[in-house]
């Protein structure tokens, strides 16, 4: 039996950043094609001679000029046969968490522009990228309730209140801050420094830093991290 198959395989990258109490998403503006000038997730087709993860990293570099340290596979999208108006496309989506304040964007390749958008104020997206982004956001929310991963979105040194605000922003709920602080500090994955941050009101507060070695050790051993809401 002869197999007739004309399916294209693509990758998409959902890159989350965080600044000024806002969860942000990296988008690019399409330069060519039927969806020219529409905003979309970073992505493109996989070359015959490259791995999937290499394709994601290449597209990030070509379209936005950035490199991320860690990408996690999210889901494969392809049940909607018409998700791409040109032809049948299956996309393998990955997501990343980055400190967006440290990245310099440079649109290139088939991207007219690259820009951070607040997750709360997104433009209309091309293809089915609104569904992909919604799925990634749900995964992020779920992971935060059992695994402390938000440190990738913060500077190397941060106020503890900034970590609390990060969780409240992503989860879209007010957490029990006293319980949250006690639990985070009990794990030893956050350490107090001798430095003070700039605080607009009240006494200056100590800055904290993330202990990655302790975190990796606990992750391998397994630990329970659940969040109580206010």
N, C-alpha and C. Protein backbone atom coordinates (compact mmCIF):
# COMPACT_ATOMS: atom_id res chain seq x y z
N UNK A 1 0.85 -1.20 0.00
CA UNK A 1 0.00 0.00 0.00
C UNK A 1 0.88 1.25 0.00
N UNK A 2 0.66 2.10 -0.96
CA UNK A 2 1.45 3.32 -1.07
C UNK A 2 0.93 4.38 -0.10
N UNK A 3 1.84 4.96 0.66
CA UNK A 3 1.48 5.99 1.63
C UNK A 3 1.54 7.37 0.98
N UNK A 4 0.42 8.08 1.06
CA UNK A 4 0.38 9.45 0.53
C UNK A 4 0.30 10.41 1.71
N UNK A 5 1.36 11.16 1.92
CA UNK A 5 1.42 12.05 3.08
C UNK A 5 2.17 13.32 2.72
N UNK A 6 1.53 14.44 2.96
CA UNK A 6 2.14 15.74 2.66
C UNK A 6 2.01 16.67 3.87
N UNK A 7 2.45 16.18 5.01
CA UNK A 7 2.33 16.93 6.26
C UNK A 7 3.65 17.64 6.57
N UNK A 8 3.55 18.90 6.96
CA UNK A 8 4.72 19.67 7.39
C UNK A 8 4.83 19.61 8.91
N UNK A 9 6.07 19.58 9.42
CA UNK A 9 6.31 19.57 10.86
C UNK A 9 6.98 20.89 11.24
N UNK A 10 6.41 21.56 12.24
CA UNK A 10 6.92 22.86 12.68
C UNK A 10 7.16 22.85 14.19
N UNK A 11 7.76 23.92 14.66
CA UNK A 11 7.94 24.14 16.10
C UNK A 11 7.44 25.53 16.44
N UNK A 12 6.96 25.68 17.67
CA UNK A 12 6.57 26.98 18.19
C UNK A 12 7.16 27.14 19.58
N UNK A 13 7.56 28.36 19.92
CA UNK A 13 8.16 28.64 21.22
C UNK A 13 7.35 29.68 21.97
N UNK A 14 6.89 29.32 23.16
CA UNK A 14 6.20 30.25 24.03
C UNK A 14 7.20 30.70 25.08
N UNK A 15 7.64 31.95 25.00
CA UNK A 15 8.64 32.47 25.92
C UNK A 15 7.97 33.45 26.86
N UNK A 16 7.97 33.11 28.15
CA UNK A 16 7.38 33.97 29.18
C UNK A 16 8.47 34.80 29.84
N UNK A 17 8.17 36.07 30.05
CA UNK A 17 9.03 36.96 30.82
C UNK A 17 8.21 37.64 31.89
N UNK A 18 8.87 38.41 32.75
CA UNK A 18 8.15 39.06 33.85
C UNK A 18 8.84 40.38 34.18
N UNK A 19 8.05 41.44 34.29
CA UNK A 19 8.58 42.74 34.70
C UNK A 19 7.44 43.61 35.21
N UNK A 20 7.74 44.35 36.27
CA UNK A 20 6.78 45.31 36.84
C UNK A 20 5.41 44.67 37.08
N UNK A 21 5.43 43.52 37.74
CA UNK A 21 4.20 42.79 38.10
C UNK A 21 3.35 42.40 36.90
N UNK A 22 4.00 42.17 35.77
CA UNK A 22 3.28 41.77 34.58
C UNK A 22 3.93 40.54 33.97
N UNK A 23 3.12 39.51 33.70
CA UNK A 23 3.60 38.34 32.96
C UNK A 23 3.57 38.68 31.48
N UNK A 24 4.70 38.54 30.81
CA UNK A 24 4.81 38.95 29.42
C UNK A 24 5.10 37.76 28.50
N UNK A 25 4.76 37.92 27.23
CA UNK A 25 4.95 36.88 26.23
C UNK A 25 5.69 37.48 25.03
N UNK A 26 6.67 36.75 24.52
CA UNK A 26 7.43 37.21 23.37
C UNK A 26 6.71 36.83 22.08
N UNK A 27 6.44 37.83 21.25
CA UNK A 27 5.76 37.61 19.97
C UNK A 27 6.56 38.23 18.83
N UNK A 28 6.33 37.71 17.62
CA UNK A 28 6.97 38.29 16.43
C UNK A 28 5.88 38.67 15.43
N UNK A 29 6.16 39.68 14.62
CA UNK A 29 5.23 40.08 13.57
C UNK A 29 5.66 39.43 12.26
N UNK A 30 4.69 38.76 11.61
CA UNK A 30 4.99 38.06 10.36
C UNK A 30 5.41 39.05 9.27
N UNK A 31 6.48 38.70 8.56
CA UNK A 31 6.99 39.58 7.50
C UNK A 31 6.43 39.23 6.13
N UNK A 32 6.11 37.94 5.91
CA UNK A 32 5.68 37.49 4.58
C UNK A 32 4.39 36.68 4.67
N UNK A 33 3.88 36.33 3.50
CA UNK A 33 2.78 35.38 3.40
C UNK A 33 1.39 35.94 3.62
N UNK A 34 0.42 35.02 3.69
CA UNK A 34 -0.98 35.41 3.81
C UNK A 34 -1.29 36.03 5.17
N UNK A 35 -0.45 35.79 6.14
CA UNK A 35 -0.65 36.34 7.48
C UNK A 35 0.35 37.45 7.79
N UNK A 36 0.80 38.11 6.74
CA UNK A 36 1.74 39.22 6.89
C UNK A 36 1.21 40.28 7.85
N UNK A 37 2.10 40.79 8.73
CA UNK A 37 1.80 41.83 9.72
C UNK A 37 0.97 41.34 10.91
N UNK A 38 0.67 40.06 10.97
CA UNK A 38 -0.02 39.53 12.15
C UNK A 38 1.01 39.07 13.17
N UNK A 39 0.64 39.20 14.44
CA UNK A 39 1.53 38.78 15.52
C UNK A 39 1.37 37.28 15.75
N UNK A 40 2.49 36.64 16.10
CA UNK A 40 2.48 35.18 16.28
C UNK A 40 3.57 34.79 17.27
N UNK A 41 3.51 33.54 17.71
CA UNK A 41 4.58 32.99 18.52
C UNK A 41 5.81 32.78 17.64
N UNK A 42 6.96 32.73 18.27
CA UNK A 42 8.19 32.43 17.54
C UNK A 42 8.12 30.98 17.05
N UNK A 43 8.48 30.75 15.80
CA UNK A 43 8.43 29.37 15.30
C UNK A 43 8.68 29.27 13.82
N UNK A 44 8.69 28.03 13.34
CA UNK A 44 8.92 27.79 11.92
C UNK A 44 9.05 26.30 11.66
N UNK A 45 9.40 25.96 10.42
CA UNK A 45 9.48 24.56 10.02
C UNK A 45 10.81 23.93 10.40
N UNK A 46 10.78 22.63 10.71
CA UNK A 46 11.97 21.88 11.05
C UNK A 46 12.69 21.47 9.77
N UNK A 47 13.98 21.68 9.74
CA UNK A 47 14.77 21.25 8.57
C UNK A 47 15.00 19.75 8.62
N UNK A 48 15.23 19.16 7.46
CA UNK A 48 15.42 17.71 7.37
C UNK A 48 16.61 17.22 8.18
N UNK A 49 17.61 18.07 8.35
CA UNK A 49 18.86 17.62 8.99
C UNK A 49 19.03 18.13 10.42
N UNK A 50 17.96 18.54 11.10
CA UNK A 50 18.10 19.03 12.47
C UNK A 50 17.10 18.38 13.41
N UNK A 51 17.44 18.38 14.70
CA UNK A 51 16.54 17.85 15.71
C UNK A 51 15.45 18.88 16.02
N UNK A 52 14.43 18.43 16.71
CA UNK A 52 13.33 19.34 17.05
C UNK A 52 13.80 20.48 17.94
N UNK A 53 14.57 20.14 18.98
CA UNK A 53 15.02 21.17 19.93
C UNK A 53 15.97 22.15 19.26
N UNK A 54 16.79 21.65 18.32
CA UNK A 54 17.68 22.55 17.58
C UNK A 54 16.89 23.51 16.70
N UNK A 55 15.76 23.02 16.18
CA UNK A 55 14.91 23.87 15.35
C UNK A 55 14.31 25.01 16.18
N UNK A 56 13.89 24.70 17.40
CA UNK A 56 13.32 25.74 18.28
C UNK A 56 14.38 26.81 18.58
N UNK A 57 15.57 26.36 18.96
CA UNK A 57 16.64 27.31 19.29
C UNK A 57 17.04 28.14 18.08
N UNK A 58 17.05 27.52 16.90
CA UNK A 58 17.39 28.26 15.69
C UNK A 58 16.35 29.34 15.40
N UNK A 59 15.08 28.99 15.50
CA UNK A 59 14.01 29.96 15.23
C UNK A 59 14.06 31.12 16.23
N UNK A 60 14.34 30.83 17.48
CA UNK A 60 14.46 31.89 18.49
C UNK A 60 15.59 32.85 18.12
N UNK A 61 16.71 32.28 17.70
CA UNK A 61 17.86 33.11 17.34
C UNK A 61 17.59 33.91 16.07
N UNK A 62 17.01 33.25 15.06
CA UNK A 62 16.78 33.91 13.78
C UNK A 62 15.72 35.00 13.87
N UNK A 63 14.64 34.74 14.59
CA UNK A 63 13.51 35.67 14.59
C UNK A 63 13.56 36.72 15.69
N UNK A 64 14.26 36.45 16.79
CA UNK A 64 14.28 37.40 17.90
C UNK A 64 15.67 37.75 18.39
N UNK A 65 16.68 36.99 17.98
CA UNK A 65 18.04 37.28 18.40
C UNK A 65 18.40 36.82 19.79
N UNK A 66 17.56 35.98 20.41
CA UNK A 66 17.84 35.55 21.78
C UNK A 66 18.16 34.06 21.87
N UNK A 67 18.77 33.69 22.98
CA UNK A 67 19.03 32.30 23.31
C UNK A 67 18.53 32.05 24.71
N UNK A 68 17.82 30.95 24.92
CA UNK A 68 17.29 30.62 26.25
C UNK A 68 18.03 29.39 26.78
N UNK A 69 18.12 29.31 28.11
CA UNK A 69 18.89 28.23 28.73
C UNK A 69 18.11 26.92 28.83
N UNK A 70 16.78 27.03 28.91
CA UNK A 70 16.00 25.81 29.11
C UNK A 70 14.67 25.91 28.39
N UNK A 71 14.33 24.87 27.65
CA UNK A 71 13.05 24.76 26.96
C UNK A 71 12.37 23.46 27.38
N UNK A 72 11.10 23.54 27.69
CA UNK A 72 10.34 22.35 28.08
C UNK A 72 9.26 22.08 27.04
N UNK A 73 9.20 20.83 26.58
CA UNK A 73 8.19 20.50 25.58
C UNK A 73 6.79 20.58 26.20
N UNK A 74 5.90 21.24 25.51
CA UNK A 74 4.56 21.49 26.01
C UNK A 74 3.54 20.49 25.48
N UNK A 75 3.37 20.46 24.15
CA UNK A 75 2.30 19.66 23.55
C UNK A 75 2.50 19.66 22.04
N UNK A 76 1.87 18.71 21.39
CA UNK A 76 1.88 18.67 19.92
C UNK A 76 0.50 19.05 19.41
N UNK A 77 0.46 20.08 18.56
CA UNK A 77 -0.81 20.60 18.05
C UNK A 77 -0.97 20.21 16.58
N UNK A 78 -2.09 19.56 16.26
CA UNK A 78 -2.30 19.15 14.88
C UNK A 78 -3.66 18.56 14.62
N UNK A 79 -4.51 18.46 15.65
CA UNK A 79 -5.85 17.89 15.46
C UNK A 79 -6.72 18.75 14.56
N UNK A 80 -6.50 20.06 14.61
CA UNK A 80 -7.23 20.96 13.71
C UNK A 80 -6.54 20.91 12.35
N UNK A 81 -7.19 20.30 11.37
CA UNK A 81 -6.58 20.11 10.05
C UNK A 81 -6.34 21.43 9.32
N UNK A 82 -7.06 22.47 9.71
CA UNK A 82 -6.96 23.77 9.03
C UNK A 82 -6.27 24.82 9.89
N UNK A 83 -5.41 24.39 10.80
CA UNK A 83 -4.76 25.34 11.70
C UNK A 83 -3.79 26.27 10.95
N UNK A 84 -3.35 25.84 9.77
CA UNK A 84 -2.51 26.68 8.92
C UNK A 84 -3.22 26.80 7.57
N UNK A 85 -3.47 28.02 7.08
CA UNK A 85 -4.22 28.20 5.82
C UNK A 85 -3.48 27.72 4.58
N UNK A 86 -2.19 27.42 4.69
CA UNK A 86 -1.41 27.05 3.52
C UNK A 86 -1.44 25.55 3.25
N UNK A 87 -1.26 24.75 4.30
CA UNK A 87 -1.24 23.29 4.16
C UNK A 87 -1.33 22.65 5.54
N UNK A 88 -1.37 21.33 5.57
CA UNK A 88 -1.46 20.61 6.83
C UNK A 88 -0.15 20.72 7.59
N UNK A 89 -0.23 21.23 8.84
CA UNK A 89 0.96 21.44 9.65
C UNK A 89 0.73 20.91 11.06
N UNK A 90 1.66 20.12 11.53
CA UNK A 90 1.68 19.68 12.93
C UNK A 90 2.82 20.44 13.62
N UNK A 91 2.52 21.02 14.78
CA UNK A 91 3.53 21.81 15.48
C UNK A 91 3.83 21.24 16.85
N UNK A 92 5.12 21.12 17.15
CA UNK A 92 5.58 20.71 18.48
C UNK A 92 5.93 21.99 19.24
N UNK A 93 5.22 22.25 20.32
CA UNK A 93 5.39 23.51 21.05
C UNK A 93 6.25 23.31 22.30
N UNK A 94 7.10 24.29 22.54
CA UNK A 94 7.95 24.34 23.72
C UNK A 94 7.71 25.66 24.46
N UNK A 95 7.95 25.65 25.77
CA UNK A 95 7.86 26.93 26.47
C UNK A 95 9.10 27.16 27.34
N UNK A 96 9.38 28.43 27.59
CA UNK A 96 10.57 28.82 28.35
C UNK A 96 10.22 29.96 29.29
N UNK A 97 10.96 30.03 30.39
CA UNK A 97 10.84 31.13 31.35
C UNK A 97 12.16 31.87 31.37
N UNK A 98 12.13 33.18 31.18
CA UNK A 98 13.37 33.95 31.09
C UNK A 98 13.24 35.26 31.87
N UNK A 99 14.36 35.82 32.24
CA UNK A 99 14.41 37.16 32.80
C UNK A 99 14.44 38.13 31.61
N UNK A 100 13.29 38.62 31.22
CA UNK A 100 13.16 39.42 30.00
C UNK A 100 13.91 40.74 30.06
N UNK A 101 14.21 41.23 31.27
CA UNK A 101 14.90 42.52 31.40
C UNK A 101 16.36 42.42 30.97
N UNK A 102 16.87 41.19 30.83
CA UNK A 102 18.28 41.00 30.47
C UNK A 102 18.46 40.66 28.98
N UNK A 103 17.37 40.58 28.24
CA UNK A 103 17.45 40.16 26.84
C UNK A 103 17.26 41.34 25.89
N UNK A 104 18.06 41.36 24.85
CA UNK A 104 17.93 42.38 23.81
C UNK A 104 17.35 41.72 22.57
N UNK A 105 16.19 42.18 22.14
CA UNK A 105 15.51 41.58 21.00
C UNK A 105 16.01 42.18 19.69
N UNK A 106 16.13 41.31 18.68
CA UNK A 106 16.52 41.77 17.35
C UNK A 106 15.79 40.92 16.31
N UNK A 107 14.75 41.47 15.74
CA UNK A 107 13.97 40.74 14.73
C UNK A 107 14.78 40.55 13.47
N UNK A 108 14.69 39.33 12.90
CA UNK A 108 15.42 39.03 11.67
C UNK A 108 14.70 37.90 10.96
N UNK A 109 15.30 37.36 9.94
CA UNK A 109 14.72 36.24 9.18
C UNK A 109 13.36 36.66 8.63
N UNK A 110 12.31 35.86 8.92
CA UNK A 110 10.98 36.19 8.41
C UNK A 110 10.12 36.92 9.44
N UNK A 111 10.77 37.56 10.42
CA UNK A 111 10.06 38.35 11.43
C UNK A 111 10.27 39.83 11.16
N UNK A 112 9.19 40.57 11.02
CA UNK A 112 9.25 42.01 10.81
C UNK A 112 9.62 42.74 12.10
N UNK A 113 9.16 42.19 13.23
CA UNK A 113 9.38 42.82 14.53
C UNK A 113 9.30 41.75 15.61
N UNK A 114 9.93 42.00 16.74
CA UNK A 114 9.87 41.12 17.91
C UNK A 114 9.62 42.00 19.12
N UNK A 115 8.66 41.60 19.95
CA UNK A 115 8.24 42.49 21.02
C UNK A 115 7.61 41.70 22.18
N UNK A 116 7.80 42.23 23.40
CA UNK A 116 7.13 41.65 24.57
C UNK A 116 5.74 42.25 24.72
N UNK A 117 4.75 41.39 24.98
CA UNK A 117 3.38 41.83 25.23
C UNK A 117 2.93 41.32 26.59
N UNK A 118 2.17 42.13 27.30
CA UNK A 118 1.58 41.67 28.56
C UNK A 118 0.58 40.57 28.24
N UNK A 119 0.62 39.50 29.03
CA UNK A 119 -0.31 38.40 28.81
C UNK A 119 -1.76 38.88 28.96
N UNK A 120 -1.96 39.92 29.74
CA UNK A 120 -3.31 40.45 29.95
C UNK A 120 -3.80 41.32 28.79
N UNK A 121 -2.88 41.72 27.90
CA UNK A 121 -3.26 42.61 26.80
C UNK A 121 -2.59 42.15 25.50
N UNK A 122 -3.00 41.00 25.02
CA UNK A 122 -2.40 40.42 23.83
C UNK A 122 -3.12 40.88 22.56
N UNK A 123 -2.39 41.02 21.47
CA UNK A 123 -3.04 41.33 20.19
C UNK A 123 -3.67 40.05 19.63
N UNK A 124 -4.41 40.18 18.54
CA UNK A 124 -4.95 39.01 17.86
C UNK A 124 -3.79 38.22 17.28
N UNK A 125 -3.79 36.90 17.51
CA UNK A 125 -2.68 36.07 17.10
C UNK A 125 -2.99 35.26 15.85
N UNK A 126 -1.95 34.98 15.07
CA UNK A 126 -2.09 34.19 13.84
C UNK A 126 -2.28 32.71 14.17
N UNK A 127 -2.73 31.97 13.17
CA UNK A 127 -2.92 30.52 13.27
C UNK A 127 -3.79 30.19 14.49
N UNK A 128 -3.41 29.13 15.25
CA UNK A 128 -4.11 28.78 16.48
C UNK A 128 -3.25 29.11 17.69
N UNK A 129 -2.43 30.15 17.56
CA UNK A 129 -1.47 30.47 18.61
C UNK A 129 -2.11 30.94 19.90
N UNK A 130 -3.36 31.41 19.84
CA UNK A 130 -4.06 31.75 21.08
C UNK A 130 -4.33 30.49 21.90
N UNK A 131 -4.63 29.38 21.23
CA UNK A 131 -4.87 28.11 21.91
C UNK A 131 -3.56 27.58 22.49
N UNK A 132 -2.49 27.67 21.72
CA UNK A 132 -1.17 27.21 22.18
C UNK A 132 -0.75 28.01 23.41
N UNK A 133 -0.92 29.31 23.35
CA UNK A 133 -0.52 30.18 24.45
C UNK A 133 -1.36 29.91 25.70
N UNK A 134 -2.63 29.70 25.52
CA UNK A 134 -3.51 29.39 26.65
C UNK A 134 -3.09 28.07 27.31
N UNK A 135 -2.72 27.09 26.50
CA UNK A 135 -2.26 25.80 27.02
C UNK A 135 -0.97 25.97 27.81
N UNK A 136 -0.05 26.80 27.30
CA UNK A 136 1.22 27.04 27.99
C UNK A 136 1.00 27.75 29.32
N UNK A 137 0.10 28.71 29.32
CA UNK A 137 -0.19 29.45 30.55
C UNK A 137 -0.78 28.53 31.61
N UNK A 138 -1.66 27.63 31.19
CA UNK A 138 -2.26 26.67 32.11
C UNK A 138 -1.20 25.74 32.68
N UNK A 139 -0.25 25.30 31.84
CA UNK A 139 0.84 24.46 32.31
C UNK A 139 1.69 25.21 33.35
N UNK A 140 1.97 26.48 33.07
CA UNK A 140 2.76 27.30 33.98
C UNK A 140 2.06 27.44 35.32
N UNK A 141 0.77 27.73 35.30
CA UNK A 141 0.01 27.85 36.54
C UNK A 141 0.03 26.54 37.33
N UNK A 142 -0.16 25.44 36.65
CA UNK A 142 -0.18 24.14 37.32
C UNK A 142 1.17 23.82 37.95
N UNK A 143 2.25 24.09 37.22
CA UNK A 143 3.58 23.78 37.73
C UNK A 143 3.92 24.61 38.97
N UNK A 144 3.47 25.84 38.99
CA UNK A 144 3.77 26.71 40.13
C UNK A 144 3.14 26.21 41.43
N UNK A 145 2.09 25.44 41.32
CA UNK A 145 1.42 24.96 42.53
C UNK A 145 2.08 23.73 43.13
N UNK A 146 2.99 23.11 42.39
CA UNK A 146 3.67 21.95 42.97
C UNK A 146 5.19 21.98 42.78
N UNK A 147 5.70 22.97 42.05
CA UNK A 147 7.15 23.06 41.84
C UNK A 147 7.55 24.53 41.72
N UNK A 148 8.44 25.00 42.59
CA UNK A 148 8.84 26.42 42.55
C UNK A 148 9.74 26.73 41.37
N UNK A 149 9.16 27.18 40.27
CA UNK A 149 9.93 27.42 39.04
C UNK A 149 10.00 28.89 38.67
N UNK A 150 9.38 29.75 39.44
CA UNK A 150 9.28 31.15 39.06
C UNK A 150 10.57 31.93 39.13
N UNK A 151 11.62 31.34 39.71
CA UNK A 151 12.87 32.07 39.88
C UNK A 151 13.52 32.44 38.55
N UNK A 152 13.24 31.67 37.51
CA UNK A 152 13.81 31.97 36.19
C UNK A 152 13.32 33.31 35.65
N UNK A 153 12.23 33.80 36.18
CA UNK A 153 11.64 35.04 35.68
C UNK A 153 12.15 36.27 36.42
N UNK A 154 12.88 36.05 37.51
CA UNK A 154 13.33 37.16 38.36
C UNK A 154 14.81 37.45 38.17
N UNK A 155 15.26 38.64 38.59
CA UNK A 155 16.70 38.94 38.56
C UNK A 155 17.46 38.00 39.49
N UNK A 156 18.77 38.03 39.42
CA UNK A 156 19.61 37.16 40.25
C UNK A 156 19.36 37.43 41.73
N UNK A 157 19.16 38.68 42.08
CA UNK A 157 18.82 39.07 43.46
C UNK A 157 17.51 39.83 43.45
N UNK A 158 16.63 39.52 44.38
CA UNK A 158 15.28 40.07 44.35
C UNK A 158 14.72 40.22 45.76
N UNK A 159 13.76 41.10 45.90
CA UNK A 159 13.01 41.22 47.15
C UNK A 159 12.07 40.04 47.28
N UNK A 160 11.85 39.59 48.50
CA UNK A 160 10.93 38.46 48.68
C UNK A 160 9.53 38.85 48.23
N UNK A 161 9.18 40.10 48.40
CA UNK A 161 7.85 40.56 47.97
C UNK A 161 7.70 40.45 46.46
N UNK A 162 8.81 40.56 45.73
CA UNK A 162 8.77 40.41 44.27
C UNK A 162 8.45 38.96 43.88
N UNK A 163 9.00 38.02 44.64
CA UNK A 163 8.69 36.61 44.41
C UNK A 163 7.22 36.34 44.70
N UNK A 164 6.71 36.92 45.80
CA UNK A 164 5.29 36.76 46.14
C UNK A 164 4.39 37.35 45.06
N UNK A 165 4.75 38.54 44.60
CA UNK A 165 3.94 39.20 43.57
C UNK A 165 3.96 38.42 42.26
N UNK A 166 5.10 37.79 41.96
CA UNK A 166 5.22 36.98 40.75
C UNK A 166 4.20 35.84 40.79
N UNK A 167 4.12 35.16 41.91
CA UNK A 167 3.18 34.05 42.04
C UNK A 167 1.73 34.53 41.95
N UNK A 168 1.44 35.64 42.60
CA UNK A 168 0.07 36.18 42.55
C UNK A 168 -0.31 36.56 41.13
N UNK A 169 0.64 37.11 40.37
CA UNK A 169 0.38 37.54 39.00
C UNK A 169 0.10 36.34 38.09
N UNK A 170 0.95 35.33 38.16
CA UNK A 170 0.79 34.17 37.29
C UNK A 170 -0.45 33.36 37.64
N UNK A 171 -0.67 33.17 38.93
CA UNK A 171 -1.81 32.37 39.37
C UNK A 171 -3.12 33.15 39.35
N UNK A 172 -3.00 34.48 39.24
CA UNK A 172 -4.17 35.36 39.23
C UNK A 172 -5.00 35.19 40.50
N UNK A 173 -4.30 34.97 41.61
CA UNK A 173 -4.94 34.82 42.92
C UNK A 173 -4.01 35.39 43.98
N UNK A 174 -4.59 35.80 45.09
CA UNK A 174 -3.79 36.25 46.22
C UNK A 174 -3.40 35.04 47.06
N UNK A 175 -2.11 34.89 47.32
CA UNK A 175 -1.64 33.75 48.10
C UNK A 175 -1.57 34.11 49.57
N UNK A 176 -1.47 33.10 50.41
CA UNK A 176 -1.23 33.30 51.84
C UNK A 176 0.25 33.61 51.99
N UNK A 177 0.60 34.89 52.05
CA UNK A 177 1.99 35.30 51.97
C UNK A 177 2.82 34.82 53.16
N UNK A 178 2.26 34.80 54.35
CA UNK A 178 3.01 34.34 55.51
C UNK A 178 3.36 32.86 55.37
N UNK A 179 2.39 32.07 54.96
CA UNK A 179 2.61 30.63 54.78
C UNK A 179 3.59 30.39 53.63
N UNK A 180 3.46 31.17 52.57
CA UNK A 180 4.32 31.03 51.40
C UNK A 180 5.79 31.31 51.77
N UNK A 181 6.01 32.39 52.50
CA UNK A 181 7.38 32.76 52.91
C UNK A 181 7.99 31.67 53.80
N UNK A 182 7.20 31.20 54.76
CA UNK A 182 7.69 30.19 55.69
C UNK A 182 8.06 28.90 54.94
N UNK A 183 7.23 28.52 53.98
CA UNK A 183 7.46 27.27 53.24
C UNK A 183 8.68 27.39 52.33
N UNK A 184 8.79 28.48 51.59
CA UNK A 184 9.91 28.68 50.68
C UNK A 184 11.23 28.67 51.45
N UNK A 185 11.28 29.40 52.57
CA UNK A 185 12.52 29.49 53.35
C UNK A 185 12.87 28.16 54.01
N UNK A 186 11.87 27.37 54.35
CA UNK A 186 12.12 26.08 55.01
C UNK A 186 12.82 25.10 54.07
N UNK A 187 12.62 25.24 52.77
CA UNK A 187 13.28 24.37 51.80
C UNK A 187 14.74 24.72 51.59
N UNK A 188 15.12 25.96 51.90
CA UNK A 188 16.49 26.40 51.70
C UNK A 188 16.82 26.73 50.26
N UNK A 189 15.81 26.84 49.42
CA UNK A 189 16.07 27.14 48.00
C UNK A 189 16.17 28.64 47.74
N UNK A 190 15.86 29.44 48.76
CA UNK A 190 16.03 30.89 48.69
C UNK A 190 16.85 31.34 49.89
N UNK A 191 17.86 32.15 49.65
CA UNK A 191 18.75 32.59 50.72
C UNK A 191 18.74 34.10 50.82
N UNK A 192 18.78 34.59 52.04
CA UNK A 192 18.85 36.03 52.29
C UNK A 192 20.28 36.52 52.09
N UNK A 193 20.45 37.64 51.42
CA UNK A 193 21.78 38.24 51.24
C UNK A 193 21.95 39.37 52.25
N UNK A 194 23.11 39.99 52.21
CA UNK A 194 23.38 41.13 53.09
C UNK A 194 23.04 42.46 52.40
N UNK A 195 22.53 42.38 51.20
CA UNK A 195 22.20 43.58 50.43
C UNK A 195 20.75 44.00 50.66
N UNK A 196 20.49 45.28 50.46
CA UNK A 196 19.15 45.80 50.62
C UNK A 196 18.63 46.31 49.26
N UNK A 197 17.34 46.11 49.04
CA UNK A 197 16.73 46.57 47.82
C UNK A 197 16.14 47.95 47.98
N UNK A 198 15.77 48.56 46.88
CA UNK A 198 15.12 49.87 46.91
C UNK A 198 13.64 49.70 47.17
N UNK A 199 13.19 50.19 48.29
CA UNK A 199 11.78 50.08 48.65
C UNK A 199 11.19 51.48 48.76
N UNK A 200 10.11 51.71 48.05
CA UNK A 200 9.52 53.06 48.00
C UNK A 200 8.94 53.47 49.34
N UNK A 201 8.30 52.52 50.03
CA UNK A 201 7.66 52.83 51.31
C UNK A 201 8.21 51.94 52.42
N UNK A 202 8.38 52.51 53.59
CA UNK A 202 8.82 51.73 54.73
C UNK A 202 10.33 51.50 54.76
N UNK A 203 10.75 50.60 55.63
CA UNK A 203 12.17 50.31 55.80
C UNK A 203 12.71 49.50 54.62
N UNK A 204 13.99 49.70 54.28
CA UNK A 204 14.60 48.90 53.21
C UNK A 204 14.55 47.41 53.56
N UNK A 205 14.31 46.58 52.57
CA UNK A 205 14.20 45.14 52.80
C UNK A 205 15.40 44.42 52.21
N UNK A 206 15.75 43.29 52.82
CA UNK A 206 16.87 42.50 52.36
C UNK A 206 16.56 41.86 50.99
N UNK A 207 17.61 41.71 50.19
CA UNK A 207 17.48 41.01 48.92
C UNK A 207 17.74 39.51 49.14
N UNK A 208 17.12 38.70 48.29
CA UNK A 208 17.28 37.25 48.36
C UNK A 208 17.87 36.75 47.05
N UNK A 209 18.41 35.53 47.09
CA UNK A 209 18.92 34.89 45.88
C UNK A 209 18.50 33.42 45.88
N UNK A 210 18.48 32.84 44.70
CA UNK A 210 18.03 31.47 44.51
C UNK A 210 19.21 30.51 44.66
N UNK A 211 19.05 29.47 45.46
CA UNK A 211 20.08 28.43 45.63
C UNK A 211 19.75 27.28 44.68
N UNK A 212 20.35 27.31 43.50
CA UNK A 212 20.01 26.33 42.47
C UNK A 212 20.49 24.93 42.83
N UNK A 213 21.65 24.81 43.48
CA UNK A 213 22.17 23.50 43.88
C UNK A 213 21.21 22.80 44.84
N UNK A 214 20.69 23.56 45.81
CA UNK A 214 19.74 23.01 46.77
C UNK A 214 18.44 22.62 46.06
N UNK A 215 18.01 23.46 45.14
CA UNK A 215 16.78 23.18 44.41
C UNK A 215 16.91 21.90 43.58
N UNK A 216 18.03 21.77 42.86
CA UNK A 216 18.24 20.57 42.03
C UNK A 216 18.29 19.31 42.88
N UNK A 217 18.90 19.40 44.06
CA UNK A 217 18.98 18.26 44.95
C UNK A 217 17.59 17.84 45.43
N UNK A 218 16.79 18.81 45.84
CA UNK A 218 15.44 18.51 46.32
C UNK A 218 14.55 17.98 45.19
N UNK A 219 14.76 18.49 43.98
CA UNK A 219 13.98 18.03 42.85
C UNK A 219 14.24 16.55 42.57
N UNK A 220 15.51 16.15 42.64
CA UNK A 220 15.86 14.75 42.42
C UNK A 220 15.29 13.86 43.52
N UNK A 221 15.33 14.34 44.77
CA UNK A 221 14.84 13.55 45.90
C UNK A 221 13.32 13.53 45.96
N UNK A 222 12.71 14.60 45.43
CA UNK A 222 11.26 14.73 45.47
C UNK A 222 10.82 15.48 46.71
N UNK A 223 10.04 16.54 46.53
CA UNK A 223 9.53 17.28 47.68
C UNK A 223 8.16 17.86 47.35
N UNK A 224 7.36 18.02 48.38
CA UNK A 224 5.99 18.51 48.21
C UNK A 224 5.97 20.02 48.35
N UNK A 225 5.43 20.69 47.32
CA UNK A 225 5.33 22.14 47.35
C UNK A 225 3.91 22.51 46.94
N UNK A 226 3.10 22.85 47.90
CA UNK A 226 1.74 23.27 47.58
C UNK A 226 1.53 24.67 48.13
N UNK A 227 0.66 25.43 47.46
CA UNK A 227 0.43 26.83 47.80
C UNK A 227 -0.93 27.00 48.44
N UNK A 228 -0.96 27.74 49.54
CA UNK A 228 -2.22 28.09 50.18
C UNK A 228 -2.64 29.48 49.68
N UNK A 229 -3.91 29.62 49.35
CA UNK A 229 -4.41 30.89 48.88
C UNK A 229 -5.12 31.65 49.99
N UNK A 230 -5.07 32.96 49.89
CA UNK A 230 -5.67 33.82 50.92
C UNK A 230 -7.19 33.74 50.84
